[in-house]
Amino acid sequence: MQCKNSDSNENSEETEQFKISGKIKNQPDGMIYLEELDVPEGASASVDSVQLQNNQFTFTGKVDFPKWYAIKTSDTTEWPLRIVLSNEDITLNAVKDSLYKAKVTGASVYAEYQDYYDTYFEKIRSKARPIYQLLDSLNQGGKRELVEEEQIMMDKKWEEMNRFSDSLTKLYVSDYPNSLAAPMIISERYIQYADPDKADELYQLLDPKVQSSYYGKKLSKALEGYKSVAVGSKAPAIKNQVDLEGNEIGLEDYKGKFVLVDFWASWCGPCRKENPNVLKAYKTYHSKGLEILAISLDEKRELWEKAIKKDKLPWKHVSDLKGFKNQAAQDYMVSAIPQNFLINPEGDIIATNLREEGLHEKLKEIFDN
């Protein structure tokens, strides 16, 4: 695992306003902020603020369409309440220091969003919980590697779990194709975790009005982006990436070679766990023509450099130290890591997201036949 029915139309809200009436128990005064989220690159987020008076506050205003906002105080910036704000009368009841757990009523799109996680996704969590417990028991909390039979058993359980998860998410979208929350959920489940085929399947189920909504258009744009880096596509150029010595290295430096473009980061646990597997593949196939270009989504050079040395990774490493704003990551639609792209000598993407034994099977198919 890698988290109703509405006929609402964004245009119908043009003359309406929102009103948020809030109460925060045990916090009689102080400032509270309403901050726009999901702001386009280069734009400034709108921020409103009001003074708490006797535990209470009120925000009024207008949004052009339902959109994510954060409500926070000066001491809850790390754990704000995220809400889909729409032009409605909304009430909020919270307790100091746990604003993110606030009870919200009146925000219809947000309620539809929460319904998926409270009802559908909760069933997924319940089914996944004993699988995690079994894994923790088998590997002794990560202290031992699974033997082959155990790994096969766990793989089957996770495959079954994923099918169950997919079926419930599809059921939600099928039941509520008119919900403006549906494209948000599709994006969270299948765009952030790079499964564009499933995302597109569910996108096609949405009502045309929802497809043309703000988050429907964002989902459509993401799907178009994934098509540009799908298997069979020409690999986008990689520019403005430098190695630890300050040399700029791009995809053109690997022209005529098989290259695995590997996105990772020092802070990414699954990436670090996969590194020995990638190293094994490199040692096996480098002499036969495999190159690896690792692109780090780190922001701190010292942590990036330390991880390379600790994991003993001998191939080329580059970054622009901008995290997920890394230009190559954006061009390759990378929203979660680890992620990789296998590119042939002609510059075509021939495989993506190769993990564990799947990486070795694909490389064996190329180099041993």
Protein backbone atom coordinates (compact mmCIF):
# COMPACT_ATOMS: atom_id res chain seq x y z
CA MET A 1 0.00 0.00 0.00
CA GLN A 2 1.54 3.38 -0.75
CA CYS A 3 -5.43 7.35 2.08
CA LYS A 4 -22.33 11.88 -1.42
CA ASN A 5 -23.94 12.07 -4.70
CA SER A 6 -23.58 15.73 -5.67
CA ASP A 7 -24.96 17.65 -8.61
CA SER A 8 -22.95 20.71 -7.58
CA ASN A 9 -21.69 22.88 -10.42
CA GLU A 10 -18.81 25.26 -9.92
CA ASN A 11 -20.50 27.94 -12.03
CA SER A 12 -23.61 27.86 -9.85
CA GLU A 13 -21.65 29.45 -7.00
CA GLU A 14 -20.75 32.67 -8.81
CA THR A 15 -23.01 34.91 -6.72
CA GLU A 16 -22.61 33.03 -3.42
CA GLN A 17 -20.18 33.44 -0.57
CA PHE A 18 -18.77 31.22 2.12
CA LYS A 19 -19.02 31.75 5.84
CA ILE A 20 -16.90 29.72 8.24
CA SER A 21 -18.07 29.89 11.84
CA GLY A 22 -15.50 28.25 14.07
CA LYS A 23 -14.88 27.46 17.71
CA ILE A 24 -11.60 26.23 19.23
CA LYS A 25 -11.93 24.81 22.72
CA ASN A 26 -9.22 25.79 25.23
CA GLN A 27 -7.92 28.58 22.97
CA PRO A 28 -9.73 31.82 23.84
CA ASP A 29 -7.63 34.21 21.75
CA GLY A 30 -4.87 34.52 19.16
CA MET A 31 -4.79 34.73 15.38
CA ILE A 32 -6.20 32.14 13.02
CA TYR A 33 -5.40 31.93 9.31
CA LEU A 34 -7.19 30.74 6.18
CA GLU A 35 -4.60 29.92 3.51
CA GLU A 36 -5.13 28.85 -0.09
CA LEU A 37 -3.47 25.56 -1.06
CA ASP A 38 -2.70 24.03 -4.45
CA VAL A 39 -1.41 27.34 -5.82
CA PRO A 40 -0.09 27.38 -9.43
CA GLU A 41 3.65 27.72 -9.90
CA GLY A 42 4.68 31.36 -9.61
CA ALA A 43 1.41 32.53 -8.05
CA SER A 44 0.99 33.76 -4.48
CA ALA A 45 -1.37 32.00 -2.08
CA SER A 46 -4.21 34.07 -0.71
CA VAL A 47 -4.13 34.28 3.08
CA ASP A 48 -6.80 35.74 5.35
CA SER A 49 -6.57 36.13 9.11
CA VAL A 50 -8.90 36.96 11.96
CA GLN A 51 -8.61 37.31 15.71
CA LEU A 52 -10.07 34.63 17.96
CA GLN A 53 -12.52 36.11 20.48
CA ASN A 54 -13.78 33.94 23.30
CA ASN A 55 -12.70 30.75 21.44
CA GLN A 56 -14.62 31.77 18.32
CA PHE A 57 -13.85 33.14 14.86
CA THR A 58 -15.57 33.84 11.55
CA PHE A 59 -14.26 33.96 7.99
CA THR A 60 -16.33 35.24 5.07
CA GLY A 61 -15.47 35.48 1.40
CA LYS A 62 -15.94 33.89 -1.97
CA VAL A 63 -14.21 31.16 -3.95
CA ASP A 64 -14.61 30.65 -7.68
CA PHE A 65 -14.87 26.89 -7.23
CA PRO A 66 -14.38 24.33 -4.43
CA LYS A 67 -10.67 24.25 -3.60
CA TRP A 68 -8.30 23.07 -0.88
CA TYR A 69 -7.53 25.53 1.90
CA ALA A 70 -5.77 25.24 5.24
CA ILE A 71 -7.03 26.62 8.54
CA LYS A 72 -4.33 27.05 11.15
CA THR A 73 -3.12 29.01 14.14
CA SER A 74 0.43 30.22 14.70
CA ASP A 75 1.25 27.08 16.73
CA THR A 76 -0.45 24.51 14.45
CA THR A 77 1.36 25.28 11.19
CA GLU A 78 2.64 21.70 10.94
CA TRP A 79 -0.79 20.15 11.56
CA PRO A 80 -3.42 22.45 10.07
CA LEU A 81 -6.94 21.51 9.13
CA ARG A 82 -7.18 20.91 5.38
CA ILE A 83 -10.63 21.57 3.99
CA VAL A 84 -12.25 21.78 0.57
CA LEU A 85 -13.71 25.27 0.79
CA SER A 86 -16.91 26.02 -1.10
CA ASN A 87 -19.41 28.87 -1.00
CA GLU A 88 -21.55 27.53 1.83
CA ASP A 89 -22.24 28.11 5.51
CA ILE A 90 -19.62 26.00 7.24
CA THR A 91 -19.21 25.29 10.94
CA LEU A 92 -16.03 24.07 12.57
CA ASN A 93 -15.53 22.74 16.09
CA ALA A 94 -11.99 21.97 17.22
CA VAL A 95 -9.78 21.59 20.28
CA LYS A 96 -6.53 23.48 20.81
CA ASP A 97 -3.47 21.63 19.46
CA SER A 98 -5.60 19.21 17.39
CA LEU A 99 -7.09 21.54 14.82
CA TYR A 100 -6.61 18.90 12.11
CA LYS A 101 -9.18 16.72 13.89
CA ALA A 102 -11.88 19.39 13.81
CA LYS A 103 -15.48 18.43 13.17
CA VAL A 104 -16.63 20.19 10.00
CA THR A 105 -20.22 20.51 8.83
CA GLY A 106 -21.73 22.29 5.85
CA ALA A 107 -18.83 21.85 3.43
CA SER A 108 -20.52 19.49 0.97
CA VAL A 109 -17.58 18.66 -1.32
CA TYR A 110 -15.32 18.13 1.68
CA ALA A 111 -17.96 15.84 3.18
CA GLU A 112 -18.00 13.77 -0.01
CA TYR A 113 -14.22 13.56 0.10
CA GLN A 114 -14.25 12.48 3.74
CA ASP A 115 -16.95 9.91 3.03
CA TYR A 116 -14.57 7.99 0.79
CA TYR A 117 -11.89 7.82 3.48
CA ASP A 118 -14.28 7.20 6.37
CA THR A 119 -16.32 4.53 4.61
CA TYR A 120 -14.56 3.00 1.61
CA PHE A 121 -10.92 3.50 2.52
CA GLU A 122 -11.51 2.42 6.11
CA LYS A 123 -12.37 -1.04 4.75
CA ILE A 124 -9.05 -1.01 2.90
CA ARG A 125 -7.20 -0.05 6.08
CA SER A 126 -8.93 -2.81 8.03
CA LYS A 127 -7.93 -5.42 5.46
CA ALA A 128 -4.35 -4.15 5.26
CA ARG A 129 -3.76 -4.02 9.02
CA PRO A 130 -3.34 -7.78 9.61
CA ILE A 131 -1.07 -8.02 6.53
CA TYR A 132 1.24 -5.40 8.00
CA GLN A 133 1.15 -7.23 11.33
CA LEU A 134 2.06 -10.51 9.63
CA LEU A 135 4.94 -8.85 7.78
CA ASP A 136 6.19 -7.28 11.00
CA SER A 137 6.09 -10.68 12.67
CA LEU A 138 7.90 -12.44 9.82
CA ASN A 139 10.71 -9.93 9.42
CA GLN A 140 10.91 -9.24 13.17
CA GLY A 141 10.26 -5.55 12.73
CA GLY A 142 12.61 -5.26 9.78
CA LYS A 143 15.50 -7.07 11.46
CA ARG A 144 15.56 -10.05 9.09
CA GLU A 145 15.03 -10.66 5.38
CA LEU A 146 12.14 -12.83 4.27
CA VAL A 147 13.00 -16.20 2.81
CA GLU A 148 11.73 -16.91 -0.69
CA GLU A 149 8.59 -18.76 0.43
CA GLU A 150 7.66 -15.97 2.82
CA GLN A 151 8.23 -13.31 0.16
CA ILE A 152 6.03 -15.19 -2.34
CA MET A 153 3.29 -15.47 0.27
CA MET A 154 3.48 -11.76 1.14
CA ASP A 155 3.50 -10.76 -2.54
CA LYS A 156 0.27 -12.70 -3.08
CA LYS A 157 -1.34 -11.05 -0.07
CA TRP A 158 -0.37 -7.58 -1.31
CA GLU A 159 -1.64 -8.36 -4.81
CA GLU A 160 -4.96 -9.43 -3.33
CA MET A 161 -4.97 -6.32 -1.14
CA ASN A 162 -4.35 -4.05 -4.12
CA ARG A 163 -7.18 -5.65 -6.10
CA PHE A 164 -9.51 -5.12 -3.14
CA SER A 165 -8.41 -1.49 -2.82
CA ASP A 166 -8.87 -0.86 -6.54
CA SER A 167 -12.35 -2.42 -6.50
CA LEU A 168 -13.55 -0.19 -3.65
CA THR A 169 -12.16 2.99 -5.19
CA LYS A 170 -13.79 2.10 -8.50
CA LEU A 171 -17.04 1.42 -6.66
CA TYR A 172 -16.92 4.88 -5.09
CA VAL A 173 -16.34 6.64 -8.41
CA SER A 174 -19.01 4.51 -10.10
CA ASP A 175 -21.50 5.34 -7.34
CA TYR A 176 -20.71 9.07 -7.31
CA PRO A 177 -19.59 10.16 -10.79
CA ASN A 178 -21.15 13.61 -10.17
CA SER A 179 -19.04 14.28 -7.06
CA LEU A 180 -16.46 17.04 -7.35
CA ALA A 181 -14.46 15.09 -4.77
CA ALA A 182 -14.03 12.11 -7.12
CA PRO A 183 -11.17 13.57 -9.24
CA MET A 184 -9.36 14.54 -6.01
CA ILE A 185 -9.55 10.95 -4.80
CA ILE A 186 -8.49 9.51 -8.16
CA SER A 187 -5.47 11.81 -8.14
CA GLU A 188 -4.51 10.86 -4.59
CA ARG A 189 -4.85 7.13 -5.20
CA TYR A 190 -3.45 6.80 -8.73
CA ILE A 191 -1.63 9.97 -9.81
CA GLN A 192 0.47 10.46 -6.67
CA TYR A 193 1.32 6.76 -6.76
CA ALA A 194 1.91 6.65 -10.52
CA ASP A 195 -0.76 4.31 -11.86
CA PRO A 196 -2.09 6.38 -14.78
CA ASP A 197 -3.90 3.47 -16.43
CA LYS A 198 -6.18 3.03 -13.42
CA ALA A 199 -6.53 6.81 -13.08
CA ASP A 200 -7.65 7.09 -16.70
CA GLU A 201 -10.11 4.21 -16.31
CA LEU A 202 -11.79 6.01 -13.40
CA TYR A 203 -11.58 9.43 -15.08
CA GLN A 204 -13.69 8.05 -17.94
CA LEU A 205 -16.44 7.24 -15.41
CA LEU A 206 -16.80 10.86 -14.29
CA ASP A 207 -19.67 13.05 -15.36
CA PRO A 208 -18.57 15.55 -18.05
CA LYS A 209 -19.27 18.46 -15.67
CA VAL A 210 -16.89 16.93 -13.14
CA GLN A 211 -14.28 16.30 -15.85
CA SER A 212 -14.43 20.01 -16.68
CA SER A 213 -14.16 21.09 -13.03
CA TYR A 214 -10.94 22.52 -11.61
CA TYR A 215 -9.72 19.20 -10.20
CA GLY A 216 -11.12 17.30 -13.15
CA LYS A 217 -8.99 19.42 -15.48
CA LYS A 218 -5.95 18.95 -13.24
CA LEU A 219 -6.47 15.19 -13.40
CA SER A 220 -6.84 15.32 -17.19
CA LYS A 221 -3.64 17.36 -17.50
CA ALA A 222 -1.77 14.85 -15.34
CA LEU A 223 -3.00 11.99 -17.50
CA GLU A 224 -1.78 13.78 -20.60
CA GLY A 225 1.57 14.25 -18.92
CA TYR A 226 1.82 10.54 -18.14
CA LYS A 227 1.17 9.73 -21.78
CA SER A 228 4.30 11.68 -22.67
CA VAL A 229 6.43 9.35 -20.51
CA ALA A 230 4.58 6.10 -21.20
CA VAL A 231 6.32 3.04 -22.58
CA GLY A 232 6.97 3.66 -26.27
CA SER A 233 7.39 7.42 -25.88
CA LYS A 234 10.54 9.37 -26.53
CA ALA A 235 12.29 10.08 -23.25
CA PRO A 236 12.18 13.79 -22.31
CA ALA A 237 15.51 15.57 -22.23
CA ILE A 238 17.20 15.81 -18.85
CA LYS A 239 18.82 19.19 -18.25
CA ASN A 240 20.08 21.39 -15.40
CA GLN A 241 21.16 18.40 -13.31
CA VAL A 242 24.66 18.44 -11.84
CA ASP A 243 26.77 15.80 -10.11
CA LEU A 244 28.65 16.18 -6.84
CA GLU A 245 31.60 17.72 -8.68
CA GLY A 246 29.40 20.35 -10.31
CA ASN A 247 29.38 18.81 -13.78
CA GLU A 248 26.13 19.10 -15.73
CA ILE A 249 24.99 15.71 -16.95
CA GLY A 250 22.00 15.02 -19.18
CA LEU A 251 20.36 12.19 -21.03
CA GLU A 252 22.24 13.14 -24.21
CA ASP A 253 25.43 11.89 -22.51
CA TYR A 254 23.97 8.36 -22.71
CA LYS A 255 22.98 8.44 -26.36
CA GLY A 256 23.33 5.01 -27.96
CA LYS A 257 23.20 3.19 -24.61
CA PHE A 258 20.66 1.49 -22.40
CA VAL A 259 20.20 3.74 -19.38
CA LEU A 260 18.08 3.33 -16.27
CA VAL A 261 16.99 6.78 -15.07
CA ASP A 262 16.40 6.23 -11.37
CA PHE A 263 14.58 8.81 -9.19
CA TRP A 264 15.30 8.47 -5.48
CA ALA A 265 16.29 10.43 -2.33
CA SER A 266 18.33 9.86 0.80
CA TRP A 267 15.26 10.31 3.02
CA CYS A 268 13.14 7.79 1.06
CA GLY A 269 13.02 4.48 2.96
CA PRO A 270 11.70 2.39 0.04
CA CYS A 271 14.40 3.89 -2.21
CA ARG A 272 17.17 2.95 0.19
CA LYS A 273 15.70 -0.53 0.54
CA GLU A 274 15.68 -0.92 -3.26
CA ASN A 275 19.25 0.36 -3.71
CA PRO A 276 20.93 -3.03 -3.05
CA ASN A 277 18.69 -4.57 -5.71
CA VAL A 278 19.67 -1.87 -8.22
CA LEU A 279 23.31 -2.35 -7.28
CA LYS A 280 23.01 -6.08 -7.96
CA ALA A 281 21.53 -5.32 -11.38
CA TYR A 282 24.31 -2.84 -12.15
CA LYS A 283 27.04 -5.32 -11.22
CA THR A 284 25.38 -7.97 -13.39
CA TYR A 285 24.65 -5.92 -16.51
CA HIS A 286 26.95 -2.89 -16.56
CA SER A 287 29.65 -4.82 -18.42
CA LYS A 288 26.99 -5.77 -20.97
CA GLY A 289 25.97 -2.18 -21.61
CA LEU A 290 23.70 -0.99 -18.79
CA GLU A 291 24.17 2.55 -17.47
CA ILE A 292 22.37 4.16 -14.56
CA LEU A 293 21.67 7.86 -14.08
CA ALA A 294 20.34 8.50 -10.58
CA ILE A 295 18.41 11.72 -10.02
CA SER A 296 18.03 12.66 -6.37
CA LEU A 297 15.04 14.57 -5.02
CA ASP A 298 17.06 15.65 -2.02
CA GLU A 299 17.28 19.26 -0.91
CA LYS A 300 20.38 18.92 1.27
CA ARG A 301 23.64 18.06 -0.47
CA GLU A 302 25.28 16.56 2.61
CA LEU A 303 22.50 14.00 3.14
CA TRP A 304 22.48 13.11 -0.56
CA GLU A 305 26.25 12.61 -0.63
CA LYS A 306 26.24 10.60 2.61
CA ALA A 307 23.56 8.21 1.30
CA ILE A 308 25.51 7.57 -1.92
CA LYS A 309 28.60 6.64 0.07
CA LYS A 310 26.75 4.54 2.64
CA ASP A 311 24.85 2.55 0.00
CA LYS A 312 28.01 2.25 -2.15
CA LEU A 313 26.36 3.33 -5.40
CA PRO A 314 29.00 3.59 -8.16
CA TRP A 315 26.98 5.11 -11.01
CA LYS A 316 26.42 8.77 -11.88
CA HIS A 317 24.34 10.84 -9.45
CA VAL A 318 22.81 14.22 -10.24
CA SER A 319 20.34 16.63 -8.70
CA ASP A 320 19.27 20.26 -8.63
CA LEU A 321 18.48 19.95 -4.88
CA LYS A 322 14.90 21.16 -5.33
CA GLY A 323 13.08 18.12 -3.96
CA PHE A 324 9.95 17.21 -5.87
CA LYS A 325 10.30 20.48 -7.77
CA ASN A 326 13.28 18.93 -9.52
CA GLN A 327 12.86 19.79 -13.19
CA ALA A 328 13.52 16.25 -14.43
CA ALA A 329 11.07 14.83 -11.90
CA GLN A 330 8.39 17.21 -13.16
CA ASP A 331 9.16 16.40 -16.80
CA TYR A 332 8.89 12.68 -16.03
CA MET A 333 5.71 13.11 -13.94
CA VAL A 334 7.37 11.76 -10.82
CA SER A 335 5.10 12.27 -7.81
CA ALA A 336 6.33 9.36 -5.68
CA ILE A 337 9.64 7.57 -5.35
CA PRO A 338 11.33 5.25 -6.00
CA GLN A 339 10.52 5.49 -9.69
CA ASN A 340 12.60 4.61 -12.74
CA PHE A 341 12.55 4.63 -16.53
CA LEU A 342 14.51 2.25 -18.74
CA ILE A 343 15.55 3.95 -21.98
CA ASN A 344 16.95 2.18 -25.04
CA PRO A 345 19.82 3.38 -27.27
CA GLU A 346 17.33 5.13 -29.57
CA GLY A 347 16.03 7.25 -26.68
CA ASP A 348 12.69 5.42 -26.28
CA ILE A 349 11.18 4.53 -22.91
CA ILE A 350 10.87 0.73 -22.93
CA ALA A 351 9.90 0.07 -19.29
CA THR A 352 8.96 1.97 -16.14
CA ASN A 353 8.75 1.36 -12.42
CA LEU A 354 10.96 -1.71 -12.43
CA ARG A 355 11.28 -3.13 -8.91
CA GLU A 356 12.86 -6.09 -7.20
CA GLU A 357 12.86 -9.19 -9.39
CA GLY A 358 11.01 -7.35 -12.16
CA LEU A 359 14.11 -5.24 -12.78
CA HIS A 360 16.29 -8.32 -13.23
CA GLU A 361 13.75 -10.06 -15.46
CA LYS A 362 13.59 -7.07 -17.82
CA LEU A 363 17.37 -6.66 -17.97
CA LYS A 364 17.84 -10.38 -18.55
CA GLU A 365 15.37 -10.18 -21.42
CA ILE A 366 17.48 -7.41 -22.97
CA PHE A 367 21.04 -8.50 -22.33
CA ASP A 368 20.89 -12.30 -22.14
CA ASN A 369 18.92 -12.96 -25.32
